[in-house]
Amino acid sequence: MSDWIAIAKLTEIPQRGARLLKTDTADIAIFRTGSDEVFAVSDQCPHLGGPLSQGIVHGNAVTCPLHNWKIDLNSGDVMAPDEGCVRTYPVKIEAGVVYLGATEVQATIGK
């Protein structure tokens, strides 16, 4: 079994935007930054469960659309003065395809 699952072409994720990946166990927000880095985190803000995939991407962070909490996409940590964290998932890009760590989740793209 492969260690990675292809989940999308890089071009299918909007720059400074996200795609939502729905699985049997979790909703995962896949983010693409302005410099084409890709990050994957739980789609729920730790504050009140806001949909991070609908947030605003700036640098390597996303701002929750509900109450403006800022999440560091590298670590999943909430930025001060707020506190908390979201789960991060391993991702990589090869030949323009985004892969998610296969041991993390069997996944299908949601809308």
Protein backbone atom coordinates (compact mmCIF):
# COMPACT_ATOMS: atom_id res chain seq x y z
CA MET A 1 0.00 0.00 0.00
CA SER A 2 1.18 3.48 -0.82
CA ASP A 3 1.97 5.90 1.99
CA TRP A 4 0.15 8.73 0.17
CA ILE A 5 -3.26 9.24 -1.46
CA ALA A 6 -3.66 11.65 -4.39
CA ILE A 7 -6.45 14.07 -3.43
CA ALA A 8 -6.36 16.87 -6.02
CA LYS A 9 -4.32 18.60 -8.67
CA LEU A 10 -2.66 21.71 -7.26
CA THR A 11 -4.53 23.81 -9.82
CA GLU A 12 -7.87 22.54 -8.43
CA ILE A 13 -7.19 24.35 -5.15
CA PRO A 14 -7.54 28.12 -5.54
CA GLN A 15 -4.49 30.18 -4.67
CA ARG A 16 -5.04 31.73 -1.20
CA GLY A 17 -8.05 29.43 -0.87
CA ALA A 18 -9.10 25.94 0.14
CA ARG A 19 -10.82 22.71 -0.84
CA LEU A 20 -12.83 20.67 1.60
CA LEU A 21 -11.95 17.00 1.86
CA LYS A 22 -14.73 14.94 3.49
CA THR A 23 -13.94 11.56 5.00
CA ASP A 24 -15.82 9.08 7.14
CA THR A 25 -14.13 10.43 10.25
CA ALA A 26 -13.21 14.07 9.61
CA ASP A 27 -13.57 17.12 7.41
CA ILE A 28 -10.15 18.36 6.32
CA ALA A 29 -9.40 21.79 4.87
CA ILE A 30 -6.67 21.68 2.20
CA PHE A 31 -5.14 25.16 1.79
CA ARG A 32 -2.99 26.59 -0.99
CA THR A 33 -1.03 29.73 -0.18
CA GLY A 34 -0.04 32.54 -2.53
CA SER A 35 3.37 30.88 -2.90
CA ASP A 36 1.78 27.50 -3.77
CA GLU A 37 2.54 25.81 -0.45
CA VAL A 38 -0.15 23.35 0.62
CA PHE A 39 -1.35 22.61 4.15
CA ALA A 40 -4.04 20.35 5.58
CA VAL A 41 -5.82 20.96 8.89
CA SER A 42 -9.06 20.00 10.57
CA ASP A 43 -11.88 22.11 9.11
CA GLN A 44 -13.17 23.16 12.55
CA CYS A 45 -11.91 26.22 14.41
CA PRO A 46 -11.24 25.32 18.06
CA HIS A 47 -13.25 28.35 19.21
CA LEU A 48 -16.80 27.51 18.05
CA GLY A 49 -16.24 25.03 15.24
CA GLY A 50 -16.26 27.56 12.41
CA PRO A 51 -15.46 26.20 8.91
CA LEU A 52 -11.81 27.09 8.36
CA SER A 53 -12.09 26.08 4.69
CA GLN A 54 -14.23 29.21 4.25
CA GLY A 55 -11.65 31.44 5.95
CA ILE A 56 -9.22 33.96 4.50
CA VAL A 57 -5.71 32.68 3.74
CA HIS A 58 -2.88 35.15 4.38
CA GLY A 59 0.73 34.04 4.30
CA ASN A 60 0.86 30.64 6.02
CA ALA A 61 -2.21 31.32 8.15
CA VAL A 62 -6.00 31.24 7.86
CA THR A 63 -8.52 33.46 9.63
CA CYS A 64 -11.72 31.77 10.79
CA PRO A 65 -14.77 33.34 9.09
CA LEU A 66 -16.82 33.41 12.31
CA HIS A 67 -14.77 35.31 14.88
CA ASN A 68 -11.44 36.14 13.20
CA TRP A 69 -9.29 33.63 15.08
CA LYS A 70 -6.00 33.17 13.21
CA ILE A 71 -4.56 29.67 12.76
CA ASP A 72 -0.93 28.96 11.82
CA LEU A 73 -1.16 26.42 8.98
CA ASN A 74 2.33 25.02 9.70
CA SER A 75 1.65 24.03 13.29
CA GLY A 76 -2.14 24.22 13.66
CA ASP A 77 -1.67 26.58 16.61
CA VAL A 78 -4.04 29.48 17.20
CA MET A 79 -2.18 32.80 17.18
CA ALA A 80 -2.11 35.06 20.25
CA PRO A 81 -3.99 36.53 21.99
CA ASP A 82 -6.31 33.53 21.44
CA GLU A 83 -5.32 29.99 22.43
CA GLY A 84 -5.91 26.50 21.05
CA CYS A 85 -4.91 24.32 18.12
CA VAL A 86 -6.31 22.28 15.26
CA ARG A 87 -5.08 18.94 13.97
CA THR A 88 -2.67 19.06 11.05
CA TYR A 89 -2.26 16.37 8.38
CA PRO A 90 0.81 15.51 6.28
CA VAL A 91 0.63 16.71 2.67
CA LYS A 92 3.05 16.89 -0.23
CA ILE A 93 3.06 18.01 -3.86
CA GLU A 94 4.61 15.93 -6.64
CA ALA A 95 4.33 16.73 -10.33
CA GLY A 96 1.45 19.13 -9.67
CA VAL A 97 -0.58 16.60 -7.65
CA VAL A 98 -1.42 17.08 -3.95
CA TYR A 99 -1.10 13.99 -1.75
CA LEU A 100 -2.37 13.36 1.78
CA GLY A 101 -0.68 10.86 4.11
CA ALA A 102 -2.53 7.56 3.51
CA THR A 103 -2.17 6.40 7.09
CA GLU A 104 -4.14 9.47 8.15
CA VAL A 105 -7.34 8.96 6.22
CA GLN A 106 -9.07 7.19 3.33
CA ALA A 107 -10.68 10.15 1.62
CA THR A 108 -12.95 11.40 -1.11
CA ILE A 109 -13.25 15.00 -2.23
CA GLY A 110 -16.39 16.70 -0.94
CA LYS A 111 -18.13 19.79 -2.24
